[in-house]
Structures are given as structure tokens and as C-alpha cells.
C-alpha atoms as a PDB file:
ATOM      1  CA  MET A   1      -4.016 -12.755 -20.691  1.00  0.00           C
ATOM      2  CA  SER A   2      -6.498 -12.029 -17.857  1.00  0.00           C
ATOM      3  CA  THR A   3      -7.365  -9.828 -14.945  1.00  0.00           C
ATOM      4  CA  ARG A   4      -7.676 -13.029 -12.902  1.00  0.00           C
ATOM      5  CA  LEU A   5      -5.162 -13.989 -10.289  1.00  0.00           C
ATOM      6  CA  ASP A   6      -6.156 -17.706  -9.863  1.00  0.00           C
ATOM      7  CA  GLY A   7      -3.502 -19.709  -8.050  1.00  0.00           C
ATOM      8  CA  ARG A   8      -1.327 -16.698  -7.390  1.00  0.00           C
ATOM      9  CA  SER A   9      -0.138 -15.535  -3.936  1.00  0.00           C
ATOM     10  CA  TYR A  10       0.855 -12.116  -2.717  1.00  0.00           C
ATOM     11  CA  LEU A  11       2.247 -10.444   0.362  1.00  0.00           C
ATOM     12  CA  VAL A  12       0.421  -7.334   1.467  1.00  0.00           C
ATOM     13  CA  THR A  13       1.974  -5.090   4.073  1.00  0.00           C
ATOM     14  CA  GLY A  14      -0.031  -2.730   6.346  1.00  0.00           C
ATOM     15  CA  GLY A  15      -2.415  -5.593   6.727  1.00  0.00           C
ATOM     16  CA  ALA A  16      -3.931  -4.150   9.983  1.00  0.00           C
ATOM     17  CA  GLY A  17      -5.345  -1.272   8.202  1.00  0.00           C
ATOM     18  CA  ALA A  18      -8.469  -0.501   6.112  1.00  0.00           C
ATOM     19  CA  ILE A  19      -6.685  -0.305   2.760  1.00  0.00           C
ATOM     20  CA  GLY A  20      -4.771  -3.435   3.544  1.00  0.00           C
ATOM     21  CA  ILE A  21      -8.078  -5.203   4.005  1.00  0.00           C
ATOM     22  CA  GLY A  22      -9.490  -3.698   0.719  1.00  0.00           C
ATOM     23  CA  ILE A  23      -6.516  -4.882  -1.261  1.00  0.00           C
ATOM     24  CA  ALA A  24      -6.735  -8.394   0.240  1.00  0.00           C
ATOM     25  CA  GLN A  25     -10.430  -8.643  -0.545  1.00  0.00           C
ATOM     26  CA  ALA A  26      -9.840  -7.535  -4.124  1.00  0.00           C
ATOM     27  CA  ILE A  27      -7.187  -9.988  -4.710  1.00  0.00           C
ATOM     28  CA  LEU A  28      -9.313 -12.900  -3.261  1.00  0.00           C
ATOM     29  CA  THR A  29     -12.204 -11.854  -5.474  1.00  0.00           C
ATOM     30  CA  GLN A  30      -9.867 -12.375  -8.477  1.00  0.00           C
ATOM     31  CA  GLY A  31      -8.907 -15.765  -7.267  1.00  0.00           C
ATOM     32  CA  GLY A  32      -5.679 -14.956  -5.632  1.00  0.00           C
ATOM     33  CA  ARG A  33      -4.246 -15.592  -2.056  1.00  0.00           C
ATOM     34  CA  VAL A  34      -2.828 -13.266   0.358  1.00  0.00           C
ATOM     35  CA  MET A  35      -0.543 -13.122   3.375  1.00  0.00           C
ATOM     36  CA  LEU A  36      -1.246  -9.957   5.386  1.00  0.00           C
ATOM     37  CA  LEU A  37       1.770  -8.410   7.168  1.00  0.00           C
ATOM     38  CA  ASP A  38       1.739  -5.926  10.059  1.00  0.00           C
ATOM     39  CA  LEU A  39       3.516  -4.953  13.132  1.00  0.00           C
ATOM     40  CA  ASN A  40       0.184  -5.161  14.984  1.00  0.00           C
ATOM     41  CA  GLU A  41      -0.101  -8.897  15.305  1.00  0.00           C
ATOM     42  CA  LYS A  42      -3.538  -8.968  16.961  1.00  0.00           C
ATOM     43  CA  ALA A  43      -5.139  -6.777  14.370  1.00  0.00           C
ATOM     44  CA  VAL A  44      -3.564  -8.490  11.369  1.00  0.00           C
ATOM     45  CA  LEU A  45      -4.640 -11.864  12.452  1.00  0.00           C
ATOM     46  CA  GLU A  46      -8.192 -10.690  13.154  1.00  0.00           C
ATOM     47  CA  ASN A  47      -8.445  -9.081   9.766  1.00  0.00           C
ATOM     48  CA  ALA A  48      -7.207 -12.236   7.905  1.00  0.00           C
ATOM     49  CA  SER A  49      -9.839 -14.356   9.744  1.00  0.00           C
ATOM     50  CA  SER A  50     -12.516 -11.719   9.065  1.00  0.00           C
ATOM     51  CA  ILE A  51     -11.823 -11.954   5.307  1.00  0.00           C
ATOM     52  CA  ASP A  52     -11.304 -15.730   5.112  1.00  0.00           C
ATOM     53  CA  PRO A  53     -12.467 -17.684   8.369  1.00  0.00           C
ATOM     54  CA  ASP A  54     -10.914 -20.909   7.079  1.00  0.00           C
ATOM     55  CA  LEU A  55      -7.598 -19.148   6.535  1.00  0.00           C
ATOM     56  CA  ALA A  56      -7.268 -21.151   3.301  1.00  0.00           C
ATOM     57  CA  SER A  57      -6.622 -18.131   1.035  1.00  0.00           C
ATOM     58  CA  CYS A  58      -5.772 -15.348   3.445  1.00  0.00           C
ATOM     59  CA  VAL A  59      -3.516 -15.492   6.495  1.00  0.00           C
ATOM     60  CA  GLY A  60      -1.942 -12.880   8.773  1.00  0.00           C
ATOM     61  CA  MET A  61       1.514 -12.591  10.248  1.00  0.00           C
ATOM     62  CA  ARG A  62       3.331 -10.192  12.518  1.00  0.00           C
ATOM     63  CA  CYS A  63       6.214  -8.524  10.559  1.00  0.00           C
ATOM     64  CA  ASP A  64       8.323  -5.454  10.950  1.00  0.00           C
ATOM     65  CA  VAL A  65       8.765  -4.594   7.285  1.00  0.00           C
ATOM     66  CA  THR A  66      11.602  -2.271   8.143  1.00  0.00           C
ATOM     67  CA  GLN A  67      13.632  -5.307   9.014  1.00  0.00           C
ATOM     68  CA  ALA A  68      14.938  -7.385   6.075  1.00  0.00           C
ATOM     69  CA  GLU A  69      15.117 -10.508   8.263  1.00  0.00           C
ATOM     70  CA  ASP A  70      11.514 -10.269   9.109  1.00  0.00           C
ATOM     71  CA  VAL A  71      10.520  -9.893   5.451  1.00  0.00           C
ATOM     72  CA  GLU A  72      12.498 -12.893   4.496  1.00  0.00           C
ATOM     73  CA  ALA A  73      10.889 -14.881   7.218  1.00  0.00           C
ATOM     74  CA  ALA A  74       7.393 -13.790   5.938  1.00  0.00           C
ATOM     75  CA  LEU A  75       8.285 -14.814   2.359  1.00  0.00           C
ATOM     76  CA  ALA A  76       9.386 -18.150   3.558  1.00  0.00           C
ATOM     77  CA  GLN A  77       6.110 -18.581   5.542  1.00  0.00           C
ATOM     78  CA  ALA A  78       4.149 -17.554   2.470  1.00  0.00           C
ATOM     79  CA  ILE A  79       5.880 -20.095   0.293  1.00  0.00           C
ATOM     80  CA  GLY A  80       5.280 -22.732   2.795  1.00  0.00           C
ATOM     81  CA  LYS A  81       1.631 -21.879   2.949  1.00  0.00           C
ATOM     82  CA  PHE A  82       0.847 -21.226  -0.699  1.00  0.00           C
ATOM     83  CA  GLN A  83       3.734 -23.050  -2.448  1.00  0.00           C
ATOM     84  CA  ARG A  84       4.484 -19.808  -4.500  1.00  0.00           C
ATOM     85  CA  VAL A  85       4.611 -16.016  -4.156  1.00  0.00           C
ATOM     86  CA  ASP A  86       3.925 -13.990  -7.265  1.00  0.00           C
ATOM     87  CA  GLY A  87       4.393 -10.438  -5.891  1.00  0.00           C
ATOM     88  CA  ALA A  88       3.710  -7.933  -3.134  1.00  0.00           C
ATOM     89  CA  VAL A  89       1.852  -4.813  -2.316  1.00  0.00           C
ATOM     90  CA  ASN A  90       3.569  -2.286  -0.202  1.00  0.00           C
ATOM     91  CA  ASN A  91       0.743  -0.615   1.759  1.00  0.00           C
ATOM     92  CA  ALA A  92       2.416  -0.173   5.283  1.00  0.00           C
ATOM     93  CA  GLY A  93       2.465   3.525   6.047  1.00  0.00           C
ATOM     94  CA  VAL A  94       2.505   6.126   8.902  1.00  0.00           C
ATOM     95  CA  ILE A  95       1.545   9.778   9.126  1.00  0.00           C
ATOM     96  CA  HIS A  96       2.348  12.266  11.853  1.00  0.00           C
ATOM     97  CA  MET A  97       0.759  15.559  11.308  1.00  0.00           C
ATOM     98  CA  ASN A  98       3.071  18.464  12.123  1.00  0.00           C
ATOM     99  CA  THR A  99       4.132  21.908  10.635  1.00  0.00           C
ATOM    100  CA  ALA A 100       7.464  21.987   8.905  1.00  0.00           C
ATOM    101  CA  TRP A 101       8.683  24.304  11.638  1.00  0.00           C
ATOM    102  CA  ASP A 102       7.869  21.838  14.368  1.00  0.00           C
ATOM    103  CA  ALA A 103       8.567  18.503  12.786  1.00  0.00           C
ATOM    104  CA  THR A 104      11.485  16.574  14.388  1.00  0.00           C
ATOM    105  CA  PRO A 105      14.258  14.694  12.616  1.00  0.00           C
ATOM    106  CA  GLU A 106      12.787  11.595  14.364  1.00  0.00           C
ATOM    107  CA  GLU A 107       9.425  12.086  12.824  1.00  0.00           C
ATOM    108  CA  TRP A 108      11.015  12.584   9.425  1.00  0.00           C
ATOM    109  CA  GLN A 109      13.012   9.489   9.803  1.00  0.00           C
ATOM    110  CA  GLN A 110      10.067   7.282  10.875  1.00  0.00           C
ATOM    111  CA  HIS A 111       8.077   8.371   7.811  1.00  0.00           C
ATOM    112  CA  PHE A 112      10.909   7.385   5.576  1.00  0.00           C
ATOM    113  CA  ASN A 113      11.690   4.237   7.456  1.00  0.00           C
ATOM    114  CA  VAL A 114       8.090   2.871   7.142  1.00  0.00           C
ATOM    115  CA  ASN A 115       6.856   4.525   3.986  1.00  0.00           C
ATOM    116  CA  ALA A 116       9.925   4.368   1.697  1.00  0.00           C
ATOM    117  CA  THR A 117      12.615   2.255   3.105  1.00  0.00           C
ATOM    118  CA  ALA A 118      10.326  -0.720   3.996  1.00  0.00           C
ATOM    119  CA  ALA A 119       8.887  -0.538   0.537  1.00  0.00           C
ATOM    120  CA  PHE A 120      12.409  -0.954  -0.960  1.00  0.00           C
ATOM    121  CA  ILE A 121      13.302  -3.748   1.467  1.00  0.00           C
ATOM    122  CA  VAL A 122      10.099  -5.623   0.568  1.00  0.00           C
ATOM    123  CA  CYS A 123      10.506  -4.977  -3.194  1.00  0.00           C
ATOM    124  CA  GLN A 124      14.177  -6.226  -3.087  1.00  0.00           C
ATOM    125  CA  SER A 125      13.312  -9.356  -1.070  1.00  0.00           C
ATOM    126  CA  ILE A 126      10.293 -10.366  -3.169  1.00  0.00           C
ATOM    127  CA  GLY A 127      12.010  -9.215  -6.264  1.00  0.00           C
ATOM    128  CA  ARG A 128      14.896 -11.544  -5.825  1.00  0.00           C
ATOM    129  CA  HIS A 129      12.474 -14.512  -5.344  1.00  0.00           C
ATOM    130  CA  MET A 130      10.508 -13.450  -8.470  1.00  0.00           C
ATOM    131  CA  GLN A 131      13.714 -13.091 -10.422  1.00  0.00           C
ATOM    132  CA  ASN A 132      14.553 -16.668  -9.784  1.00  0.00           C
ATOM    133  CA  ASN A 133      10.968 -17.846 -10.491  1.00  0.00           C
ATOM    134  CA  GLY A 134       9.877 -16.272 -13.748  1.00  0.00           C
ATOM    135  CA  GLY A 135       8.814 -12.818 -12.664  1.00  0.00           C
ATOM    136  CA  GLY A 136       5.753 -11.188 -11.121  1.00  0.00           C
ATOM    137  CA  ALA A 137       4.303  -7.899 -10.084  1.00  0.00           C
ATOM    138  CA  LEU A 138       4.802  -5.359  -7.339  1.00  0.00           C
ATOM    139  CA  VAL A 139       2.398  -2.505  -6.479  1.00  0.00           C
ATOM    140  CA  ASN A 140       3.556   0.259  -4.069  1.00  0.00           C
ATOM    141  CA  VAL A 141       0.886   2.395  -2.334  1.00  0.00           C
ATOM    142  CA  ALA A 142       2.067   6.006  -2.601  1.00  0.00           C
ATOM    143  CA  SER A 143      -0.201   8.971  -2.336  1.00  0.00           C
ATOM    144  CA  ASN A 144      -1.380  11.987  -4.130  1.00  0.00           C
ATOM    145  CA  CYS A 145       0.641  13.798  -1.329  1.00  0.00           C
ATOM    146  CA  GLY A 146       3.649  12.548  -3.093  1.00  0.00           C
ATOM    147  CA  LYS A 147       2.552  14.610  -6.249  1.00  0.00           C
ATOM    148  CA  VAL A 148       0.634  17.553  -4.861  1.00  0.00           C
ATOM    149  CA  GLY A 149       1.973  17.995  -1.257  1.00  0.00           C
ATOM    150  CA  TYR A 150      -0.185  19.364   1.523  1.00  0.00           C
ATOM    151  CA  PRO A 151       0.504  21.646   4.435  1.00  0.00           C
ATOM    152  CA  ASN A 152       1.553  20.152   7.756  1.00  0.00           C
ATOM    153  CA  MET A 153       2.645  16.880   6.154  1.00  0.00           C
ATOM    154  CA  ALA A 154       6.131  17.754   4.852  1.00  0.00           C
ATOM    155  CA  ALA A 155       7.680  14.360   5.892  1.00  0.00           C
ATOM    156  CA  TYR A 156       4.674  12.250   4.628  1.00  0.00           C
ATOM    157  CA  ASN A 157       4.675  14.152   1.317  1.00  0.00           C
ATOM    158  CA  ALA A 158       8.386  13.697   0.839  1.00  0.00           C
ATOM    159  CA  SER A 159       8.234   9.970   1.672  1.00  0.00           C
ATOM    160  CA  LYS A 160       5.426   9.298  -0.660  1.00  0.00           C
ATOM    161  CA  ALA A 161       7.329  11.161  -3.426  1.00  0.00           C
ATOM    162  CA  ALA A 162      10.224   8.825  -2.762  1.00  0.00           C
ATOM    163  CA  VAL A 163       7.939   5.853  -3.304  1.00  0.00           C
ATOM    164  CA  ILE A 164       6.846   7.196  -6.514  1.00  0.00           C
ATOM    165  CA  SER A 165      10.415   7.669  -7.616  1.00  0.00           C
ATOM    166  CA  LEU A 166      11.454   4.200  -6.377  1.00  0.00           C
ATOM    167  CA  THR A 167       8.576   2.704  -8.406  1.00  0.00           C
ATOM    168  CA  ARG A 168      10.005   4.165 -11.686  1.00  0.00           C
ATOM    169  CA  SER A 169      13.575   3.106 -10.891  1.00  0.00           C
ATOM    170  CA  LEU A 170      12.603  -0.545 -10.110  1.00  0.00           C
ATOM    171  CA  ALA A 171      10.326  -0.714 -13.140  1.00  0.00           C
ATOM    172  CA  MET A 172      13.167   0.370 -15.402  1.00  0.00           C
ATOM    173  CA  GLU A 173      15.813  -2.056 -13.898  1.00  0.00           C
ATOM    174  CA  TRP A 174      13.670  -5.115 -13.302  1.00  0.00           C
ATOM    175  CA  ALA A 175      11.661  -5.172 -16.635  1.00  0.00           C
ATOM    176  CA  LYS A 176      14.310  -7.586 -18.097  1.00  0.00           C
ATOM    177  CA  ASP A 177      13.459 -10.056 -15.242  1.00  0.00           C
ATOM    178  CA  ASN A 178       9.748  -9.954 -16.135  1.00  0.00           C
ATOM    179  CA  ILE A 179       9.003  -7.973 -12.940  1.00  0.00           C
ATOM    180  CA  ASN A 180       6.309  -5.275 -13.347  1.00  0.00           C
ATOM    181  CA  VAL A 181       6.393  -2.435 -10.856  1.00  0.00           C
ATOM    182  CA  ASN A 182       3.727   0.260 -10.450  1.00  0.00           C
ATOM    183  CA  SER A 183       2.280   2.556  -7.745  1.00  0.00           C
ATOM    184  CA  VAL A 184      -1.110   3.875  -6.780  1.00  0.00           C
ATOM    185  CA  CYS A 185      -1.762   7.283  -5.394  1.00  0.00           C
ATOM    186  CA  PRO A 186      -4.962   7.363  -3.228  1.00  0.00           C
ATOM    187  CA  GLY A 187      -6.500  10.634  -2.188  1.00  0.00           C
ATOM    188  CA  GLY A 188      -9.189  10.880   0.588  1.00  0.00           C
ATOM    189  CA  VAL A 189      -9.913   7.280   1.406  1.00  0.00           C
ATOM    190  CA  ASN A 190     -12.425   6.361   4.112  1.00  0.00           C
ATOM    191  CA  THR A 191     -10.057   5.078   6.751  1.00  0.00           C
ATOM    192  CA  PRO A 192      -9.142   5.812  10.374  1.00  0.00           C
ATOM    193  CA  MET A 193      -5.928   7.472   9.177  1.00  0.00           C
ATOM    194  CA  LEU A 194      -8.057  10.215   7.306  1.00  0.00           C
ATOM    195  CA  ASP A 195      -9.993  10.684  10.507  1.00  0.00           C
ATOM    196  CA  THR A 196      -6.720  11.168  12.355  1.00  0.00           C
ATOM    197  CA  VAL A 197      -5.716  13.895   9.970  1.00  0.00           C
ATOM    198  CA  ALA A 198      -9.175  15.597  10.396  1.00  0.00           C
ATOM    199  CA  GLN A 199      -8.858  15.401  14.130  1.00  0.00           C
ATOM    200  CA  TRP A 200      -5.413  17.116  14.123  1.00  0.00           C
ATOM    201  CA  LEU A 201      -6.540  19.812  11.738  1.00  0.00           C
ATOM    202  CA  ALA A 202      -9.939  20.638  13.192  1.00  0.00           C
ATOM    203  CA  PRO A 203      -8.912  22.790  16.266  1.00  0.00           C
ATOM    204  CA  ARG A 204      -6.202  24.449  14.245  1.00  0.00           C
ATOM    205  CA  LEU A 205      -8.785  25.459  11.628  1.00  0.00           C
ATOM    206  CA  ASP A 206     -11.519  26.172  14.187  1.00  0.00           C
ATOM    207  CA  ILE A 207     -13.844  23.652  12.646  1.00  0.00           C
ATOM    208  CA  ASP A 208     -15.592  20.567  13.855  1.00  0.00           C
ATOM    209  CA  ALA A 209     -13.693  17.459  12.984  1.00  0.00           C
ATOM    210  CA  GLN A 210     -16.636  15.666  11.430  1.00  0.00           C
ATOM    211  CA  THR A 211     -17.569  18.675   9.363  1.00  0.00           C
ATOM    212  CA  LEU A 212     -14.034  18.746   8.045  1.00  0.00           C
ATOM    213  CA  LEU A 213     -13.941  15.025   7.440  1.00  0.00           C
ATOM    214  CA  ALA A 214     -17.169  15.250   5.461  1.00  0.00           C
ATOM    215  CA  ASP A 215     -15.316  17.607   3.001  1.00  0.00           C
ATOM    216  CA  MET A 216     -12.286  15.497   2.699  1.00  0.00           C
ATOM    217  CA  GLY A 217     -13.595  13.338  -0.121  1.00  0.00           C
ATOM    218  CA  ALA A 218     -13.166  13.568  -3.902  1.00  0.00           C
ATOM    219  CA  GLU A 219     -14.880  16.563  -5.236  1.00  0.00           C
ATOM    220  CA  GLN A 220     -16.006  15.034  -8.539  1.00  0.00           C
ATOM    221  CA  LEU A 221     -17.465  11.975  -6.662  1.00  0.00           C
ATOM    222  CA  GLY A 222     -18.959  13.911  -3.911  1.00  0.00           C
ATOM    223  CA  ARG A 223     -17.748  11.216  -1.485  1.00  0.00           C
ATOM    224  CA  ARG A 224     -14.772   9.573   0.060  1.00  0.00           C
ATOM    225  CA  ILE A 225     -13.191   6.620  -1.710  1.00  0.00           C
ATOM    226  CA  GLU A 226     -13.638   3.240  -0.199  1.00  0.00           C
ATOM    227  CA  PRO A 227     -10.581   0.952   0.492  1.00  0.00           C
ATOM    228  CA  ILE A 228     -11.995  -1.751  -1.772  1.00  0.00           C
ATOM    229  CA  GLU A 229     -11.976   0.638  -4.676  1.00  0.00           C
ATOM    230  CA  VAL A 230      -8.251   1.161  -4.202  1.00  0.00           C
ATOM    231  CA  GLY A 231      -7.912  -2.553  -3.772  1.00  0.00           C
ATOM    232  CA  ARG A 232      -9.529  -3.314  -7.169  1.00  0.00           C
ATOM    233  CA  VAL A 233      -7.008  -1.104  -8.982  1.00  0.00           C
ATOM    234  CA  VAL A 234      -4.104  -2.809  -7.131  1.00  0.00           C
ATOM    235  CA  ALA A 235      -5.484  -6.223  -8.117  1.00  0.00           C
ATOM    236  CA  PHE A 236      -5.707  -5.138 -11.637  1.00  0.00           C
ATOM    237  CA  LEU A 237      -2.069  -3.871 -11.623  1.00  0.00           C
ATOM    238  CA  LEU A 238      -0.992  -7.382 -10.321  1.00  0.00           C
ATOM    239  CA  SER A 239      -2.720  -8.983 -13.284  1.00  0.00           C
ATOM    240  CA  ASP A 240      -1.400  -9.964 -16.841  1.00  0.00           C
ATOM    241  CA  HIS A 241      -3.582  -7.304 -18.315  1.00  0.00           C
ATOM    242  CA  ALA A 242      -1.409  -4.561 -16.699  1.00  0.00           C
ATOM    243  CA  GLN A 243       1.704  -5.743 -18.508  1.00  0.00           C
ATOM    244  CA  ILE A 244       1.714  -2.606 -20.572  1.00  0.00           C
ATOM    245  CA  ILE A 245       1.421  -0.364 -17.557  1.00  0.00           C
ATOM    246  CA  ARG A 246       5.030   0.160 -16.020  1.00  0.00           C
ATOM    247  CA  GLY A 247       6.625   2.408 -13.641  1.00  0.00           C
ATOM    248  CA  GLN A 248       3.464   4.450 -13.237  1.00  0.00           C
ATOM    249  CA  ALA A 249       1.986   6.427 -10.287  1.00  0.00           C
ATOM    250  CA  ILE A 250      -1.701   5.953 -10.990  1.00  0.00           C
ATOM    251  CA  ASN A 251      -4.066   8.374  -9.235  1.00  0.00           C
ATOM    252  CA  VAL A 252      -6.894   6.689  -7.418  1.00  0.00           C
ATOM    253  CA  ASP A 253      -8.351   9.860  -6.067  1.00  0.00           C
ATOM    254  CA  GLY A 254     -11.545  10.436  -7.892  1.00  0.00           C
ATOM    255  CA  GLY A 255     -10.056  13.046 -10.209  1.00  0.00           C
ATOM    256  CA  ASP A 256      -8.654  15.400  -7.616  1.00  0.00           C
ATOM    257  CA  THR A 257      -5.115  15.153  -9.004  1.00  0.00           C
ATOM    258  CA  PRO A 258      -5.030  15.714 -12.829  1.00  0.00           C
ATOM    259  CA  TYR A 259      -1.383  14.744 -13.402  1.00  0.00           C
END
């Protein structure tokens, strides 16, 4: 067994974002190949070419991961490009800051559509493919918000808790098909999304946004976590060395969440 991913190929959703890039870079470092998926076609294509200018090991594709037919089309494209698909990483996510008093049903539904339902659609689609091809691995990007919960994020918290629960369920059901399923729970990662959270909170806390952002890292590390650091854990969970890790929600938050 090895942590290497040589010759293996993966779909990574949320490919227009910083964590998506970090995950793709980590997979490529271990010898794997990646198709990045995102609704933002321009950004996902640019990200793929920035990681791999020759587009030999990393390509981008527009995909609405809330739509099963889009995911099936992406899977077919990935098989056509790489001849095989060995798993997927569900990284697509949205967050809309709001108090629980003011949050709308539409905001709630969007969080669940993108953060949880899309993860299920991708897992089911890629899972069926792996079931017929000897197995593989799936990693869902949840959040420490799904364990701890934070104010003004009720919908996001709940949707990420759903991802953690989905991970456990799939791991139990699909173990017999040699499909390993885990999730990671990032904390304060250095991304534009974290900056958006700080910008929303700052005027409500009467504090400068940059000052607030500076304090949104992991206390034990004394800094924010970088996307590539999340990516390295994801890449390990896709590897053969992670076969004994199953159905887990692994904190990648620098020690902020002790459970």
C-alpha cells in the first residue's frame, strides 16, 4: 500500500475556489490526475491551466453539481480524458451569513442544495461507477461548523452537519463494494470565503474587517490554514494507506475542535 495516487483520476467539485485548487495540487503531487468542476466555467478553466498548463493531468469543466445529468456528463468526460475515475472530492459549497431570525427558507434551501444534496448526487454517481470497477474513495469537505456551530450561520452549520452524517452512512453501506468514504472538517482556511465572513461580521461587531480576519486562524498554530494543507489530508484519504480510516469527519483546523 502507498500514499501515492499514480495513474488514478478524481473529480473535484468547487474547482473555482481556493480549497479546490489546493486539493488538485495535492493530488497531482502524489501522481494523480484531476478534473475540476464548477459552475463558474471561466474560473475553473483558468484554475486548471494554472495548475497544469499542458492540461495533461488537470482539466476544468463547467458543471452544476446539483444536477445529476451534469455530474454524469462530467464523469463521462473524465473517463474519456483519463480512461478511468477512481473517486471524487465534494468540495463545492456556499455560505450566506445571516441571523437565524432573518435567514430565509430560500437561503436555507440553497445551502442544502449545494453543500449537502450535491455531495450526495456526486457520491451516488461516482459511487455507482466505482462499484462496477473495483471500488475507490470519496472525500467530502464538511466543516468544523458542522460539529461546533457558529452564530449567524445556522443554515451553513446544519448543511455541513448533514455532510458529516452522509459520510458515515455511505461508508457503512458501501464498504462491501470497496468504496471508502470520509470527510474533512476545515476551520479557518485562508480563502476569499473566510474574507467574506469577516466582511459581514465586522460592522456588526464594530471592528475592522482585516483585524477580525487576522484573528480567524487556528489558535494553536497562530495563523490561518492554507488550502494546500487541507488538500494534503484529502489526498492521503484517497490513498491506499487510508483504508483503515472509514466514515470519519477529520478535523483539519489546527486543533480548534477537539472532537
